[in-house]
Amino acid sequence: MDSTRKCKFCDNVSLAGGVVCGTCMQNRRNKQARTQASNSRNEKTTKGLCFMCGNDAVKSQRRKKVPLCEKCYLKRTATTHFGNKERWMELHSLYEQQSVCPYTGIKLKLGVDTSLDHKIPISKGGTNLIDNLQWVFDDGDIDINMVKCDLTDSQFRFLVERIADNIRNQVAE
């Protein structure tokens, strides 16, 4: 008679004296760790804390927006644009120099109503260098970056001026 026990999950040989194999034991531990991390993130979120670091999150009105503090928002944005979260300070400096949307004149609040825009889009030869980037207004309903699409700064300004002129002419008639 065979004295080896089978794992109750996968039928592999179980660990000595146990009912599960090493692989299934590790999978269960990993799942428990993921569940604990998820619970921790959910707890932070419901308390209005940054889900990454636990500091106070900025108060965003956007739907389904993950709560982040300014620093984690900048790190996430730096990772997206530069592939390197360590460059978050460059984005912070840019915000300190330019905290008003260049198109709407609205005062911006990092992580609440901001989006990082390329003055010259990557699709038109632009770069991720800081002098080609600007913060623009995006409150979830009005997204200047999306409206601008792949227009350059000068093309977008020209288009907006034409639209404004047309509206003024229609109102004057």
N, C-alpha and C. Protein backbone atom coordinates (compact mmCIF):
# COMPACT_ATOMS: atom_id res chain seq x y z
N MET A 1 0.84 -1.18 0.00
CA MET A 1 0.00 0.00 0.00
C MET A 1 0.88 1.24 0.00
N ASP A 2 0.54 2.23 -0.87
CA ASP A 2 1.33 3.44 -1.04
C ASP A 2 1.01 4.40 0.09
N SER A 3 2.07 4.87 0.83
CA SER A 3 1.85 5.75 1.98
C SER A 3 1.88 7.24 1.60
N THR A 4 2.13 7.56 0.33
CA THR A 4 2.16 8.97 -0.08
C THR A 4 0.74 9.49 -0.22
N ARG A 5 0.56 10.68 0.23
CA ARG A 5 -0.75 11.31 0.13
C ARG A 5 -0.78 12.22 -1.09
N LYS A 6 -1.96 12.36 -1.66
CA LYS A 6 -2.16 13.23 -2.82
C LYS A 6 -2.66 14.60 -2.35
N CYS A 7 -2.24 15.63 -3.08
CA CYS A 7 -2.70 16.99 -2.82
C CYS A 7 -4.21 17.05 -3.07
N LYS A 8 -4.94 17.69 -2.20
CA LYS A 8 -6.39 17.74 -2.35
C LYS A 8 -6.83 18.66 -3.49
N PHE A 9 -5.89 19.48 -4.04
CA PHE A 9 -6.24 20.39 -5.13
C PHE A 9 -5.81 19.88 -6.50
N CYS A 10 -4.64 19.22 -6.56
CA CYS A 10 -4.12 18.90 -7.90
C CYS A 10 -3.66 17.45 -8.08
N ASP A 11 -3.74 16.64 -7.09
CA ASP A 11 -3.34 15.23 -7.15
C ASP A 11 -1.83 15.01 -7.22
N ASN A 12 -1.03 16.05 -7.04
CA ASN A 12 0.42 15.85 -6.89
C ASN A 12 0.69 15.28 -5.51
N VAL A 13 1.89 14.89 -5.26
CA VAL A 13 2.25 14.37 -3.94
C VAL A 13 2.26 15.52 -2.96
N SER A 14 1.58 15.34 -1.82
CA SER A 14 1.50 16.41 -0.83
C SER A 14 2.78 16.49 -0.02
N LEU A 15 2.94 17.62 0.66
CA LEU A 15 4.09 17.79 1.54
C LEU A 15 4.00 16.78 2.68
N ALA A 16 5.12 16.46 3.28
CA ALA A 16 5.16 15.45 4.35
C ALA A 16 4.14 15.79 5.44
N GLY A 17 3.24 14.86 5.68
CA GLY A 17 2.24 15.01 6.72
C GLY A 17 1.12 15.99 6.36
N GLY A 18 1.14 16.55 5.17
CA GLY A 18 0.14 17.54 4.80
C GLY A 18 -0.87 17.02 3.81
N VAL A 19 -1.76 17.89 3.41
CA VAL A 19 -2.79 17.52 2.45
C VAL A 19 -2.66 18.29 1.13
N VAL A 20 -1.66 19.19 1.04
CA VAL A 20 -1.44 19.94 -0.19
C VAL A 20 0.02 19.85 -0.60
N CYS A 21 0.26 20.02 -1.89
CA CYS A 21 1.63 20.00 -2.40
C CYS A 21 2.27 21.38 -2.23
N GLY A 22 3.55 21.49 -2.47
CA GLY A 22 4.29 22.75 -2.33
C GLY A 22 3.78 23.83 -3.26
N THR A 23 3.46 23.48 -4.49
CA THR A 23 2.97 24.45 -5.47
C THR A 23 1.64 25.04 -5.03
N CYS A 24 0.71 24.18 -4.63
CA CYS A 24 -0.61 24.66 -4.20
C CYS A 24 -0.50 25.48 -2.91
N MET A 25 0.41 25.10 -2.02
CA MET A 25 0.62 25.85 -0.78
C MET A 25 1.10 27.27 -1.11
N GLN A 26 2.05 27.38 -2.04
CA GLN A 26 2.57 28.70 -2.43
C GLN A 26 1.49 29.53 -3.13
N ASN A 27 0.68 28.87 -3.98
CA ASN A 27 -0.41 29.58 -4.66
C ASN A 27 -1.41 30.13 -3.64
N ARG A 28 -1.71 29.36 -2.60
CA ARG A 28 -2.63 29.82 -1.56
C ARG A 28 -2.05 31.00 -0.80
N ARG A 29 -0.74 30.93 -0.49
CA ARG A 29 -0.09 32.04 0.21
C ARG A 29 -0.12 33.30 -0.66
N ASN A 30 0.18 33.14 -1.95
CA ASN A 30 0.15 34.29 -2.87
C ASN A 30 -1.24 34.90 -2.94
N LYS A 31 -2.26 34.04 -3.01
CA LYS A 31 -3.64 34.52 -3.08
C LYS A 31 -4.00 35.26 -1.80
N GLN A 32 -3.59 34.74 -0.65
CA GLN A 32 -3.86 35.41 0.62
C GLN A 32 -3.17 36.77 0.67
N ALA A 33 -1.94 36.84 0.18
CA ALA A 33 -1.20 38.11 0.16
C ALA A 33 -1.90 39.12 -0.75
N ARG A 34 -2.37 38.66 -1.92
CA ARG A 34 -3.07 39.55 -2.85
C ARG A 34 -4.37 40.05 -2.23
N THR A 35 -5.08 39.18 -1.54
CA THR A 35 -6.33 39.55 -0.89
C THR A 35 -6.07 40.58 0.20
N GLN A 36 -5.02 40.36 1.00
CA GLN A 36 -4.68 41.33 2.05
C GLN A 36 -4.31 42.67 1.45
N ALA A 37 -3.53 42.67 0.37
CA ALA A 37 -3.14 43.92 -0.29
C ALA A 37 -4.37 44.62 -0.85
N SER A 38 -5.28 43.87 -1.45
CA SER A 38 -6.51 44.45 -2.00
C SER A 38 -7.36 45.04 -0.90
N ASN A 39 -7.49 44.33 0.21
CA ASN A 39 -8.27 44.83 1.34
C ASN A 39 -7.65 46.11 1.89
N SER A 40 -6.33 46.14 1.94
CA SER A 40 -5.62 47.32 2.42
C SER A 40 -5.87 48.50 1.50
N ARG A 41 -5.80 48.27 0.16
CA ARG A 41 -6.08 49.34 -0.81
C ARG A 41 -7.51 49.83 -0.68
N ASN A 42 -8.46 48.91 -0.53
CA ASN A 42 -9.87 49.29 -0.39
C ASN A 42 -10.09 50.11 0.88
N GLU A 43 -9.43 49.70 1.96
CA GLU A 43 -9.56 50.42 3.23
C GLU A 43 -9.00 51.84 3.08
N LYS A 44 -7.83 51.96 2.44
CA LYS A 44 -7.24 53.28 2.22
C LYS A 44 -8.17 54.15 1.37
N THR A 45 -8.72 53.55 0.31
CA THR A 45 -9.59 54.28 -0.60
C THR A 45 -10.81 54.83 0.12
N THR A 46 -11.45 54.01 0.93
CA THR A 46 -12.66 54.45 1.63
C THR A 46 -12.34 55.54 2.66
N LYS A 47 -11.12 55.60 3.13
CA LYS A 47 -10.72 56.64 4.09
C LYS A 47 -10.20 57.90 3.40
N GLY A 48 -10.20 57.91 2.05
CA GLY A 48 -9.71 59.08 1.32
C GLY A 48 -8.20 59.17 1.28
N LEU A 49 -7.55 58.01 1.39
CA LEU A 49 -6.09 57.98 1.38
C LEU A 49 -5.58 57.47 0.04
N CYS A 50 -4.36 57.84 -0.29
CA CYS A 50 -3.71 57.35 -1.50
C CYS A 50 -3.60 55.84 -1.41
N PHE A 51 -4.06 55.14 -2.45
CA PHE A 51 -4.06 53.68 -2.39
C PHE A 51 -2.65 53.11 -2.49
N MET A 52 -1.67 53.92 -2.92
CA MET A 52 -0.30 53.41 -3.05
C MET A 52 0.51 53.58 -1.77
N CYS A 53 0.44 54.78 -1.17
CA CYS A 53 1.32 55.04 -0.03
C CYS A 53 0.58 55.29 1.29
N GLY A 54 -0.73 55.54 1.22
CA GLY A 54 -1.51 55.76 2.43
C GLY A 54 -1.56 57.20 2.89
N ASN A 55 -0.89 58.13 2.19
CA ASN A 55 -1.00 59.55 2.54
C ASN A 55 -2.35 60.08 2.08
N ASP A 56 -2.68 61.30 2.51
CA ASP A 56 -3.94 61.91 2.09
C ASP A 56 -3.98 62.04 0.57
N ALA A 57 -5.07 61.59 -0.02
CA ALA A 57 -5.23 61.67 -1.48
C ALA A 57 -5.82 63.03 -1.82
N VAL A 58 -5.53 63.50 -3.04
CA VAL A 58 -6.16 64.73 -3.51
C VAL A 58 -7.63 64.44 -3.75
N LYS A 59 -8.46 65.42 -3.58
CA LYS A 59 -9.91 65.25 -3.70
C LYS A 59 -10.35 65.43 -5.15
N SER A 60 -10.47 64.35 -5.86
CA SER A 60 -10.87 64.40 -7.26
C SER A 60 -12.36 64.17 -7.39
N GLN A 61 -12.98 64.89 -8.32
CA GLN A 61 -14.41 64.72 -8.58
C GLN A 61 -14.64 63.71 -9.70
N ARG A 62 -13.57 63.19 -10.30
CA ARG A 62 -13.71 62.29 -11.44
C ARG A 62 -14.30 60.96 -11.02
N ARG A 63 -15.11 60.42 -11.90
CA ARG A 63 -15.68 59.10 -11.66
C ARG A 63 -14.60 58.04 -11.86
N LYS A 64 -14.63 57.03 -11.03
CA LYS A 64 -13.74 55.87 -11.13
C LYS A 64 -12.25 56.26 -11.12
N LYS A 65 -11.92 57.39 -10.54
CA LYS A 65 -10.53 57.80 -10.45
C LYS A 65 -9.92 57.18 -9.21
N VAL A 66 -8.76 56.56 -9.37
CA VAL A 66 -8.07 55.93 -8.26
C VAL A 66 -7.49 57.03 -7.38
N PRO A 67 -7.77 57.00 -6.06
CA PRO A 67 -7.25 58.06 -5.20
C PRO A 67 -5.74 57.98 -5.03
N LEU A 68 -5.07 59.09 -5.35
CA LEU A 68 -3.63 59.19 -5.23
C LEU A 68 -3.27 60.50 -4.56
N CYS A 69 -2.17 60.52 -3.84
CA CYS A 69 -1.63 61.78 -3.36
C CYS A 69 -0.89 62.44 -4.53
N GLU A 70 -0.51 63.71 -4.37
CA GLU A 70 0.18 64.41 -5.46
C GLU A 70 1.44 63.69 -5.91
N LYS A 71 2.23 63.25 -4.96
CA LYS A 71 3.51 62.60 -5.28
C LYS A 71 3.29 61.32 -6.08
N CYS A 72 2.36 60.49 -5.65
CA CYS A 72 2.10 59.23 -6.38
C CYS A 72 1.47 59.51 -7.74
N TYR A 73 0.63 60.55 -7.84
CA TYR A 73 0.07 60.95 -9.13
C TYR A 73 1.20 61.34 -10.08
N LEU A 74 2.15 62.12 -9.58
CA LEU A 74 3.28 62.54 -10.42
C LEU A 74 4.16 61.35 -10.80
N LYS A 75 4.36 60.42 -9.87
CA LYS A 75 5.17 59.23 -10.17
C LYS A 75 4.48 58.38 -11.24
N ARG A 76 3.17 58.22 -11.13
CA ARG A 76 2.44 57.44 -12.12
C ARG A 76 2.50 58.13 -13.49
N THR A 77 2.35 59.44 -13.52
CA THR A 77 2.42 60.19 -14.77
C THR A 77 3.82 60.13 -15.37
N ALA A 78 4.84 60.22 -14.52
CA ALA A 78 6.23 60.12 -15.00
C ALA A 78 6.49 58.74 -15.59
N THR A 79 5.96 57.71 -14.98
CA THR A 79 6.13 56.35 -15.50
C THR A 79 5.46 56.24 -16.86
N THR A 80 4.29 56.81 -17.01
CA THR A 80 3.55 56.76 -18.28
C THR A 80 4.31 57.49 -19.39
N HIS A 81 4.81 58.69 -19.09
CA HIS A 81 5.42 59.52 -20.13
C HIS A 81 6.91 59.28 -20.33
N PHE A 82 7.62 58.98 -19.24
CA PHE A 82 9.07 58.82 -19.33
C PHE A 82 9.52 57.37 -19.18
N GLY A 83 8.62 56.50 -18.72
CA GLY A 83 9.01 55.13 -18.43
C GLY A 83 9.86 55.03 -17.18
N ASN A 84 9.82 56.09 -16.34
CA ASN A 84 10.69 56.16 -15.17
C ASN A 84 10.02 57.02 -14.10
N LYS A 85 9.58 56.40 -13.02
CA LYS A 85 8.88 57.16 -11.98
C LYS A 85 9.81 58.12 -11.24
N GLU A 86 11.12 57.89 -11.34
CA GLU A 86 12.07 58.75 -10.63
C GLU A 86 12.10 60.17 -11.18
N ARG A 87 11.52 60.40 -12.35
CA ARG A 87 11.52 61.73 -12.96
C ARG A 87 10.30 62.56 -12.55
N TRP A 88 9.61 62.14 -11.50
CA TRP A 88 8.41 62.83 -11.05
C TRP A 88 8.68 64.27 -10.64
N MET A 89 9.89 64.55 -10.15
CA MET A 89 10.23 65.91 -9.70
C MET A 89 10.22 66.90 -10.87
N GLU A 90 10.58 66.43 -12.07
CA GLU A 90 10.54 67.30 -13.25
C GLU A 90 9.10 67.75 -13.52
N LEU A 91 8.17 66.83 -13.37
CA LEU A 91 6.76 67.17 -13.58
C LEU A 91 6.26 68.11 -12.49
N HIS A 92 6.75 67.90 -11.28
CA HIS A 92 6.38 68.80 -10.18
C HIS A 92 6.91 70.21 -10.45
N SER A 93 8.13 70.32 -10.91
CA SER A 93 8.70 71.64 -11.25
C SER A 93 7.91 72.30 -12.37
N LEU A 94 7.53 71.50 -13.38
CA LEU A 94 6.73 72.03 -14.48
C LEU A 94 5.41 72.59 -13.95
N TYR A 95 4.79 71.88 -13.03
CA TYR A 95 3.52 72.33 -12.45
C TYR A 95 3.73 73.63 -11.66
N GLU A 96 4.83 73.71 -10.91
CA GLU A 96 5.09 74.93 -10.14
C GLU A 96 5.30 76.13 -11.06
N GLN A 97 5.87 75.90 -12.24
CA GLN A 97 6.09 76.98 -13.20
C GLN A 97 4.81 77.32 -13.96
N GLN A 98 3.95 76.33 -14.15
CA GLN A 98 2.77 76.51 -14.99
C GLN A 98 1.59 75.76 -14.38
N SER A 99 0.89 76.44 -13.46
CA SER A 99 -0.23 75.78 -12.77
C SER A 99 -1.58 76.29 -13.25
N VAL A 100 -1.58 76.96 -14.40
CA VAL A 100 -2.82 77.44 -15.03
C VAL A 100 -2.87 76.86 -16.43
N CYS A 101 -4.03 76.35 -16.84
CA CYS A 101 -4.17 75.79 -18.18
C CYS A 101 -3.90 76.89 -19.21
N PRO A 102 -2.98 76.65 -20.14
CA PRO A 102 -2.66 77.67 -21.14
C PRO A 102 -3.79 77.95 -22.12
N TYR A 103 -4.78 77.10 -22.19
CA TYR A 103 -5.89 77.27 -23.12
C TYR A 103 -7.14 77.84 -22.46
N THR A 104 -7.46 77.39 -21.26
CA THR A 104 -8.69 77.83 -20.60
C THR A 104 -8.45 78.92 -19.57
N GLY A 105 -7.23 79.05 -19.07
CA GLY A 105 -6.94 80.01 -18.01
C GLY A 105 -7.38 79.53 -16.64
N ILE A 106 -7.83 78.27 -16.55
CA ILE A 106 -8.30 77.70 -15.28
C ILE A 106 -7.11 77.29 -14.43
N LYS A 107 -7.16 77.66 -13.13
CA LYS A 107 -6.13 77.24 -12.18
C LYS A 107 -6.23 75.74 -12.02
N LEU A 108 -5.11 75.05 -12.16
CA LEU A 108 -5.09 73.59 -12.12
C LEU A 108 -4.74 73.08 -10.73
N LYS A 109 -5.27 71.89 -10.41
CA LYS A 109 -4.91 71.21 -9.17
C LYS A 109 -4.43 69.81 -9.54
N LEU A 110 -3.18 69.53 -9.24
CA LEU A 110 -2.57 68.26 -9.60
C LEU A 110 -3.39 67.07 -9.15
N GLY A 111 -3.60 66.14 -10.05
CA GLY A 111 -4.31 64.92 -9.73
C GLY A 111 -5.81 65.06 -9.67
N VAL A 112 -6.31 66.30 -9.78
CA VAL A 112 -7.74 66.54 -9.72
C VAL A 112 -8.28 66.89 -11.10
N ASP A 113 -7.66 67.87 -11.73
CA ASP A 113 -8.17 68.34 -13.03
C ASP A 113 -7.03 68.59 -14.02
N THR A 114 -6.03 67.75 -13.98
CA THR A 114 -4.86 67.94 -14.84
C THR A 114 -4.62 66.77 -15.77
N SER A 115 -4.02 67.11 -16.89
CA SER A 115 -3.56 66.11 -17.85
C SER A 115 -2.27 66.65 -18.44
N LEU A 116 -1.33 65.78 -18.72
CA LEU A 116 -0.06 66.21 -19.29
C LEU A 116 -0.17 66.14 -20.81
N ASP A 117 0.11 67.27 -21.45
CA ASP A 117 -0.06 67.42 -22.90
C ASP A 117 1.29 67.67 -23.56
N HIS A 118 1.44 67.15 -24.77
CA HIS A 118 2.62 67.44 -25.60
C HIS A 118 2.29 68.63 -26.48
N LYS A 119 3.09 69.69 -26.39
CA LYS A 119 2.88 70.86 -27.25
C LYS A 119 2.97 70.44 -28.72
N ILE A 120 4.01 69.68 -29.03
CA ILE A 120 4.13 69.03 -30.34
C ILE A 120 3.94 67.54 -30.07
N PRO A 121 2.85 66.95 -30.57
CA PRO A 121 2.58 65.54 -30.28
C PRO A 121 3.70 64.61 -30.75
N ILE A 122 3.84 63.51 -30.05
CA ILE A 122 4.82 62.48 -30.43
C ILE A 122 4.58 62.07 -31.88
N SER A 123 3.31 61.99 -32.29
CA SER A 123 2.97 61.57 -33.66
C SER A 123 3.47 62.56 -34.72
N LYS A 124 3.80 63.78 -34.29
CA LYS A 124 4.31 64.78 -35.23
C LYS A 124 5.75 65.15 -34.95
N GLY A 125 6.47 64.24 -34.31
CA GLY A 125 7.90 64.45 -34.07
C GLY A 125 8.23 65.07 -32.73
N GLY A 126 7.24 65.25 -31.87
CA GLY A 126 7.49 65.81 -30.54
C GLY A 126 8.21 64.81 -29.65
N THR A 127 8.70 65.29 -28.53
CA THR A 127 9.45 64.45 -27.60
C THR A 127 8.80 64.49 -26.22
N ASN A 128 9.34 63.69 -25.32
CA ASN A 128 8.92 63.72 -23.92
C ASN A 128 9.82 64.63 -23.09
N LEU A 129 10.59 65.49 -23.76
CA LEU A 129 11.40 66.45 -23.02
C LEU A 129 10.48 67.44 -22.33
N ILE A 130 10.89 67.90 -21.18
CA ILE A 130 10.04 68.73 -20.34
C ILE A 130 9.61 70.02 -21.03
N ASP A 131 10.44 70.56 -21.94
CA ASP A 131 10.05 71.80 -22.62
C ASP A 131 8.99 71.58 -23.70
N ASN A 132 8.66 70.33 -24.00
CA ASN A 132 7.58 70.02 -24.94
C ASN A 132 6.30 69.61 -24.21
N LEU A 133 6.31 69.68 -22.89
CA LEU A 133 5.15 69.25 -22.09
C LEU A 133 4.51 70.44 -21.40
N GLN A 134 3.21 70.32 -21.19
CA GLN A 134 2.47 71.34 -20.44
C GLN A 134 1.28 70.67 -19.76
N TRP A 135 0.91 71.22 -18.60
CA TRP A 135 -0.28 70.75 -17.91
C TRP A 135 -1.50 71.45 -18.50
N VAL A 136 -2.56 70.69 -18.77
CA VAL A 136 -3.80 71.26 -19.29
C VAL A 136 -4.98 70.78 -18.46
N PHE A 137 -6.10 71.45 -18.62
CA PHE A 137 -7.32 71.17 -17.87
C PHE A 137 -7.97 69.88 -18.33
N ASP A 138 -8.38 69.06 -17.36
CA ASP A 138 -9.12 67.82 -17.61
C ASP A 138 -9.86 67.44 -16.34
N ASP A 139 -11.15 67.75 -16.31
CA ASP A 139 -11.93 67.43 -15.11
C ASP A 139 -12.76 66.16 -15.26
N GLY A 140 -12.51 65.41 -16.33
CA GLY A 140 -13.26 64.19 -16.56
C GLY A 140 -14.40 64.41 -17.53
N ASP A 141 -14.96 65.60 -17.55
CA ASP A 141 -16.00 65.95 -18.52
C ASP A 141 -15.40 66.73 -19.69
N ILE A 142 -14.60 67.72 -19.35
CA ILE A 142 -13.90 68.50 -20.37
C ILE A 142 -12.43 68.13 -20.30
N ASP A 143 -11.93 67.55 -21.37
CA ASP A 143 -10.54 67.08 -21.43
C ASP A 143 -9.84 67.79 -22.58
N ILE A 144 -9.13 68.85 -22.27
CA ILE A 144 -8.46 69.66 -23.29
C ILE A 144 -7.50 68.79 -24.11
N ASN A 145 -6.80 67.90 -23.45
CA ASN A 145 -5.84 67.04 -24.15
C ASN A 145 -6.54 66.19 -25.21
N MET A 146 -7.73 65.68 -24.89
CA MET A 146 -8.46 64.87 -25.85
C MET A 146 -9.01 65.73 -26.99
N VAL A 147 -9.48 66.92 -26.66
CA VAL A 147 -9.99 67.83 -27.69
C VAL A 147 -8.86 68.23 -28.64
N LYS A 148 -7.71 68.53 -28.07
CA LYS A 148 -6.55 68.94 -28.87
C LYS A 148 -6.05 67.79 -29.75
N CYS A 149 -6.22 66.58 -29.26
CA CYS A 149 -5.85 65.36 -30.00
C CYS A 149 -4.39 65.43 -30.44
N ASP A 150 -4.11 65.29 -31.73
CA ASP A 150 -2.72 65.31 -32.16
C ASP A 150 -2.35 66.60 -32.89
N LEU A 151 -3.07 67.69 -32.54
CA LEU A 151 -2.71 68.99 -33.09
C LEU A 151 -1.54 69.57 -32.31
N THR A 152 -0.71 70.34 -32.99
CA THR A 152 0.34 71.05 -32.27
C THR A 152 -0.30 72.20 -31.51
N ASP A 153 0.47 72.79 -30.62
CA ASP A 153 -0.01 73.94 -29.85
C ASP A 153 -0.51 75.04 -30.79
N SER A 154 0.26 75.39 -31.80
CA SER A 154 -0.13 76.48 -32.70
C SER A 154 -1.35 76.10 -33.55
N GLN A 155 -1.44 74.85 -33.99
CA GLN A 155 -2.60 74.41 -34.76
C GLN A 155 -3.87 74.47 -33.91
N PHE A 156 -3.76 74.05 -32.66
CA PHE A 156 -4.91 74.06 -31.77
C PHE A 156 -5.37 75.49 -31.48
N ARG A 157 -4.41 76.36 -31.20
CA ARG A 157 -4.75 77.76 -30.94
C ARG A 157 -5.43 78.38 -32.17
N PHE A 158 -4.93 78.09 -33.35
CA PHE A 158 -5.53 78.60 -34.59
C PHE A 158 -6.97 78.10 -34.72
N LEU A 159 -7.18 76.80 -34.48
CA LEU A 159 -8.52 76.21 -34.57
C LEU A 159 -9.47 76.87 -33.56
N VAL A 160 -9.03 77.04 -32.34
CA VAL A 160 -9.87 77.63 -31.30
C VAL A 160 -10.23 79.08 -31.67
N GLU A 161 -9.27 79.82 -32.20
CA GLU A 161 -9.54 81.20 -32.63
C GLU A 161 -10.59 81.22 -33.75
N ARG A 162 -10.48 80.32 -34.69
CA ARG A 162 -11.46 80.24 -35.79
C ARG A 162 -12.86 79.92 -35.24
N ILE A 163 -12.94 78.99 -34.32
CA ILE A 163 -14.23 78.63 -33.72
C ILE A 163 -14.81 79.83 -32.99
N ALA A 164 -13.97 80.51 -32.19
CA ALA A 164 -14.44 81.68 -31.44
C ALA A 164 -14.91 82.78 -32.38
N ASP A 165 -14.17 83.04 -33.46
CA ASP A 165 -14.57 84.04 -34.45
C ASP A 165 -15.92 83.68 -35.07
N ASN A 166 -16.08 82.43 -35.43
CA ASN A 166 -17.33 81.97 -36.03
C ASN A 166 -18.51 82.16 -35.07
N ILE A 167 -18.32 81.83 -33.81
CA ILE A 167 -19.39 81.99 -32.83
C ILE A 167 -19.72 83.47 -32.64
N ARG A 168 -18.69 84.32 -32.56
CA ARG A 168 -18.92 85.77 -32.42
C ARG A 168 -19.71 86.30 -33.61
N ASN A 169 -19.36 85.86 -34.82
CA ASN A 169 -20.08 86.30 -36.03
C ASN A 169 -21.54 85.85 -36.02
N GLN A 170 -21.78 84.63 -35.56
CA GLN A 170 -23.16 84.13 -35.50
C GLN A 170 -23.99 84.90 -34.49
N VAL A 171 -23.39 85.25 -33.36
CA VAL A 171 -24.10 85.99 -32.31
C VAL A 171 -24.39 87.41 -32.78
N ALA A 172 -23.47 88.01 -33.55
CA ALA A 172 -23.61 89.38 -34.03
C ALA A 172 -24.72 89.51 -35.07
N GLU A 173 -25.04 88.44 -35.76
CA GLU A 173 -26.05 88.50 -36.84
C GLU A 173 -27.46 88.59 -36.34
